[in-house]
Amino acid sequence: GISDLDMLAELVNRQVACSPREVLLCAENLGLWCTAAAVAFSAYARQESRGSHFRTDFPEENPAFEKNIYIRMG
């Protein structure tokens, strides 16, 4: 859930790099977190179940969500 993303954000923000390789790993971790957050927030915004995306609070398909959801940083 969202609290898990918050916990991971804290870990990503506390990374320390002592070598060029570790700098690369820190950057990759940040990118992975950003991707995970975008996917999670997109899934939360889609208030329906469709295909492998199943929500117990919205178990039915909703024709209003037959569209793509675009997320961008900013």
N, C-alpha and C. Protein backbone atom coordinates (compact mmCIF):
# COMPACT_ATOMS: atom_id res chain seq x y z
N GLY A 1 0.80 -1.18 0.00
CA GLY A 1 0.00 0.00 0.00
C GLY A 1 0.86 1.26 0.00
N ILE A 2 0.20 2.35 0.21
CA ILE A 2 0.86 3.66 0.20
C ILE A 2 1.86 3.76 1.34
N SER A 3 1.55 3.20 2.50
CA SER A 3 2.49 3.28 3.62
C SER A 3 3.78 2.51 3.31
N ASP A 4 3.66 1.43 2.54
CA ASP A 4 4.87 0.70 2.12
C ASP A 4 5.73 1.57 1.21
N LEU A 5 5.08 2.33 0.32
CA LEU A 5 5.84 3.23 -0.55
C LEU A 5 6.52 4.33 0.26
N ASP A 6 5.84 4.82 1.28
CA ASP A 6 6.44 5.84 2.14
C ASP A 6 7.66 5.28 2.85
N MET A 7 7.57 4.05 3.33
CA MET A 7 8.70 3.42 4.01
C MET A 7 9.87 3.25 3.04
N LEU A 8 9.58 2.81 1.82
CA LEU A 8 10.64 2.65 0.83
C LEU A 8 11.25 3.99 0.45
N ALA A 9 10.44 5.04 0.39
CA ALA A 9 10.96 6.38 0.09
C ALA A 9 11.95 6.81 1.16
N GLU A 10 11.63 6.52 2.41
CA GLU A 10 12.55 6.86 3.51
C GLU A 10 13.89 6.14 3.32
N LEU A 11 13.83 4.87 2.96
CA LEU A 11 15.06 4.10 2.75
C LEU A 11 15.86 4.65 1.57
N VAL A 12 15.16 4.98 0.48
CA VAL A 12 15.84 5.52 -0.70
C VAL A 12 16.49 6.86 -0.36
N ASN A 13 15.80 7.68 0.41
CA ASN A 13 16.34 8.99 0.78
C ASN A 13 17.52 8.90 1.73
N ARG A 14 17.66 7.80 2.44
CA ARG A 14 18.77 7.65 3.40
C ARG A 14 19.95 6.87 2.83
N GLN A 15 19.93 6.59 1.52
CA GLN A 15 21.04 5.85 0.93
C GLN A 15 22.34 6.65 1.02
N VAL A 16 23.42 5.93 1.21
CA VAL A 16 24.75 6.55 1.24
C VAL A 16 25.62 5.81 0.22
N ALA A 17 26.34 6.58 -0.59
CA ALA A 17 27.21 5.98 -1.61
C ALA A 17 28.65 6.34 -1.30
N CYS A 18 29.49 5.33 -1.29
CA CYS A 18 30.91 5.52 -1.00
C CYS A 18 31.79 5.18 -2.21
N SER A 19 31.20 4.78 -3.30
CA SER A 19 31.96 4.43 -4.49
C SER A 19 31.11 4.75 -5.71
N PRO A 20 31.73 4.84 -6.88
CA PRO A 20 30.95 5.09 -8.10
C PRO A 20 29.87 4.03 -8.35
N ARG A 21 30.17 2.80 -8.04
CA ARG A 21 29.17 1.73 -8.21
C ARG A 21 27.97 1.95 -7.29
N GLU A 22 28.24 2.37 -6.07
CA GLU A 22 27.14 2.62 -5.13
C GLU A 22 26.31 3.83 -5.55
N VAL A 23 26.93 4.83 -6.19
CA VAL A 23 26.18 5.96 -6.72
C VAL A 23 25.21 5.46 -7.79
N LEU A 24 25.69 4.58 -8.65
CA LEU A 24 24.84 4.00 -9.68
C LEU A 24 23.68 3.23 -9.06
N LEU A 25 23.97 2.43 -8.05
CA LEU A 25 22.91 1.66 -7.38
C LEU A 25 21.89 2.57 -6.71
N CYS A 26 22.34 3.66 -6.12
CA CYS A 26 21.42 4.61 -5.50
C CYS A 26 20.51 5.23 -6.55
N ALA A 27 21.07 5.60 -7.70
CA ALA A 27 20.27 6.17 -8.77
C ALA A 27 19.26 5.16 -9.30
N GLU A 28 19.69 3.91 -9.44
CA GLU A 28 18.77 2.86 -9.89
C GLU A 28 17.65 2.63 -8.88
N ASN A 29 17.98 2.64 -7.60
CA ASN A 29 16.95 2.48 -6.56
C ASN A 29 15.93 3.61 -6.62
N LEU A 30 16.39 4.82 -6.84
CA LEU A 30 15.48 5.96 -6.95
C LEU A 30 14.55 5.77 -8.15
N GLY A 31 15.10 5.35 -9.28
CA GLY A 31 14.28 5.11 -10.46
C GLY A 31 13.26 4.00 -10.24
N LEU A 32 13.69 2.94 -9.56
CA LEU A 32 12.76 1.85 -9.25
C LEU A 32 11.63 2.32 -8.34
N TRP A 33 11.98 3.15 -7.34
CA TRP A 33 10.95 3.67 -6.44
C TRP A 33 9.97 4.55 -7.21
N CYS A 34 10.47 5.42 -8.07
CA CYS A 34 9.59 6.30 -8.86
C CYS A 34 8.63 5.48 -9.72
N THR A 35 9.13 4.41 -10.33
CA THR A 35 8.29 3.55 -11.15
C THR A 35 7.23 2.85 -10.30
N ALA A 36 7.64 2.33 -9.15
CA ALA A 36 6.69 1.65 -8.26
C ALA A 36 5.61 2.62 -7.79
N ALA A 37 5.99 3.83 -7.45
CA ALA A 37 5.02 4.83 -6.99
C ALA A 37 4.04 5.18 -8.11
N ALA A 38 4.53 5.35 -9.34
CA ALA A 38 3.66 5.67 -10.47
C ALA A 38 2.66 4.55 -10.72
N VAL A 39 3.11 3.31 -10.68
CA VAL A 39 2.22 2.17 -10.89
C VAL A 39 1.18 2.09 -9.77
N ALA A 40 1.61 2.27 -8.53
CA ALA A 40 0.69 2.18 -7.39
C ALA A 40 -0.35 3.30 -7.43
N PHE A 41 0.09 4.52 -7.71
CA PHE A 41 -0.87 5.63 -7.75
C PHE A 41 -1.82 5.49 -8.94
N SER A 42 -1.35 4.96 -10.06
CA SER A 42 -2.23 4.72 -11.20
C SER A 42 -3.29 3.67 -10.86
N ALA A 43 -2.85 2.60 -10.20
CA ALA A 43 -3.78 1.55 -9.80
C ALA A 43 -4.81 2.08 -8.81
N TYR A 44 -4.37 2.96 -7.92
CA TYR A 44 -5.30 3.54 -6.94
C TYR A 44 -6.30 4.48 -7.62
N ALA A 45 -5.85 5.19 -8.65
CA ALA A 45 -6.74 6.11 -9.36
C ALA A 45 -7.79 5.38 -10.17
N ARG A 46 -7.48 4.18 -10.63
CA ARG A 46 -8.43 3.40 -11.42
C ARG A 46 -9.37 2.68 -10.46
N GLN A 47 -10.55 3.25 -10.29
CA GLN A 47 -11.50 2.72 -9.30
C GLN A 47 -12.40 1.67 -9.94
N GLU A 48 -11.76 0.59 -10.34
CA GLU A 48 -12.47 -0.53 -10.96
C GLU A 48 -11.54 -1.73 -10.98
N SER A 49 -12.06 -2.86 -11.36
CA SER A 49 -11.26 -4.06 -11.62
C SER A 49 -11.25 -4.29 -13.11
N ARG A 50 -10.06 -4.57 -13.67
CA ARG A 50 -9.95 -4.83 -15.11
C ARG A 50 -8.76 -5.75 -15.32
N GLY A 51 -9.00 -6.90 -15.92
CA GLY A 51 -7.92 -7.85 -16.19
C GLY A 51 -7.26 -8.30 -14.89
N SER A 52 -5.94 -8.23 -14.87
CA SER A 52 -5.22 -8.68 -13.67
C SER A 52 -5.25 -7.64 -12.55
N HIS A 53 -5.75 -6.45 -12.85
CA HIS A 53 -5.89 -5.40 -11.83
C HIS A 53 -7.22 -5.62 -11.14
N PHE A 54 -7.21 -6.22 -9.95
CA PHE A 54 -8.44 -6.49 -9.22
C PHE A 54 -8.44 -5.75 -7.91
N ARG A 55 -9.51 -5.05 -7.64
CA ARG A 55 -9.68 -4.33 -6.37
C ARG A 55 -10.92 -4.87 -5.67
N THR A 56 -10.77 -5.23 -4.40
CA THR A 56 -11.90 -5.75 -3.65
C THR A 56 -12.94 -4.66 -3.39
N ASP A 57 -12.50 -3.39 -3.33
CA ASP A 57 -13.45 -2.30 -3.08
C ASP A 57 -14.18 -1.86 -4.36
N PHE A 58 -13.66 -2.22 -5.53
CA PHE A 58 -14.31 -1.95 -6.80
C PHE A 58 -14.21 -3.21 -7.67
N PRO A 59 -15.04 -4.24 -7.39
CA PRO A 59 -14.88 -5.53 -8.06
C PRO A 59 -15.36 -5.57 -9.52
N GLU A 60 -16.12 -4.59 -9.97
CA GLU A 60 -16.68 -4.60 -11.31
C GLU A 60 -15.89 -3.71 -12.26
N GLU A 61 -16.00 -4.02 -13.59
CA GLU A 61 -15.43 -3.13 -14.60
C GLU A 61 -16.31 -1.89 -14.72
N ASN A 62 -15.68 -0.75 -14.99
CA ASN A 62 -16.39 0.50 -15.16
C ASN A 62 -16.04 1.05 -16.55
N PRO A 63 -17.02 1.21 -17.44
CA PRO A 63 -16.73 1.70 -18.79
C PRO A 63 -16.05 3.07 -18.80
N ALA A 64 -16.22 3.86 -17.77
CA ALA A 64 -15.58 5.18 -17.70
C ALA A 64 -14.06 5.08 -17.66
N PHE A 65 -13.53 3.92 -17.25
CA PHE A 65 -12.09 3.75 -17.14
C PHE A 65 -11.49 3.00 -18.33
N GLU A 66 -12.23 2.92 -19.45
CA GLU A 66 -11.67 2.32 -20.66
C GLU A 66 -10.77 3.35 -21.33
N LYS A 67 -9.70 3.68 -20.64
CA LYS A 67 -8.75 4.69 -21.12
C LYS A 67 -7.40 4.44 -20.47
N ASN A 68 -6.40 5.10 -20.97
CA ASN A 68 -5.07 5.03 -20.35
C ASN A 68 -4.95 6.11 -19.30
N ILE A 69 -4.19 5.81 -18.26
CA ILE A 69 -3.90 6.79 -17.22
C ILE A 69 -2.44 7.18 -17.37
N TYR A 70 -2.17 8.46 -17.52
CA TYR A 70 -0.82 8.95 -17.69
C TYR A 70 -0.37 9.65 -16.42
N ILE A 71 0.83 9.30 -15.96
CA ILE A 71 1.40 9.90 -14.76
C ILE A 71 2.71 10.56 -15.18
N ARG A 72 2.98 11.76 -14.67
CA ARG A 72 4.26 12.40 -14.94
C ARG A 72 4.74 13.09 -13.68
N MET A 73 6.04 13.22 -13.60
CA MET A 73 6.63 13.91 -12.44
C MET A 73 6.50 15.41 -12.68
N GLY A 74 6.33 16.12 -11.61
CA GLY A 74 6.27 17.56 -11.80
C GLY A 74 5.65 18.29 -10.67
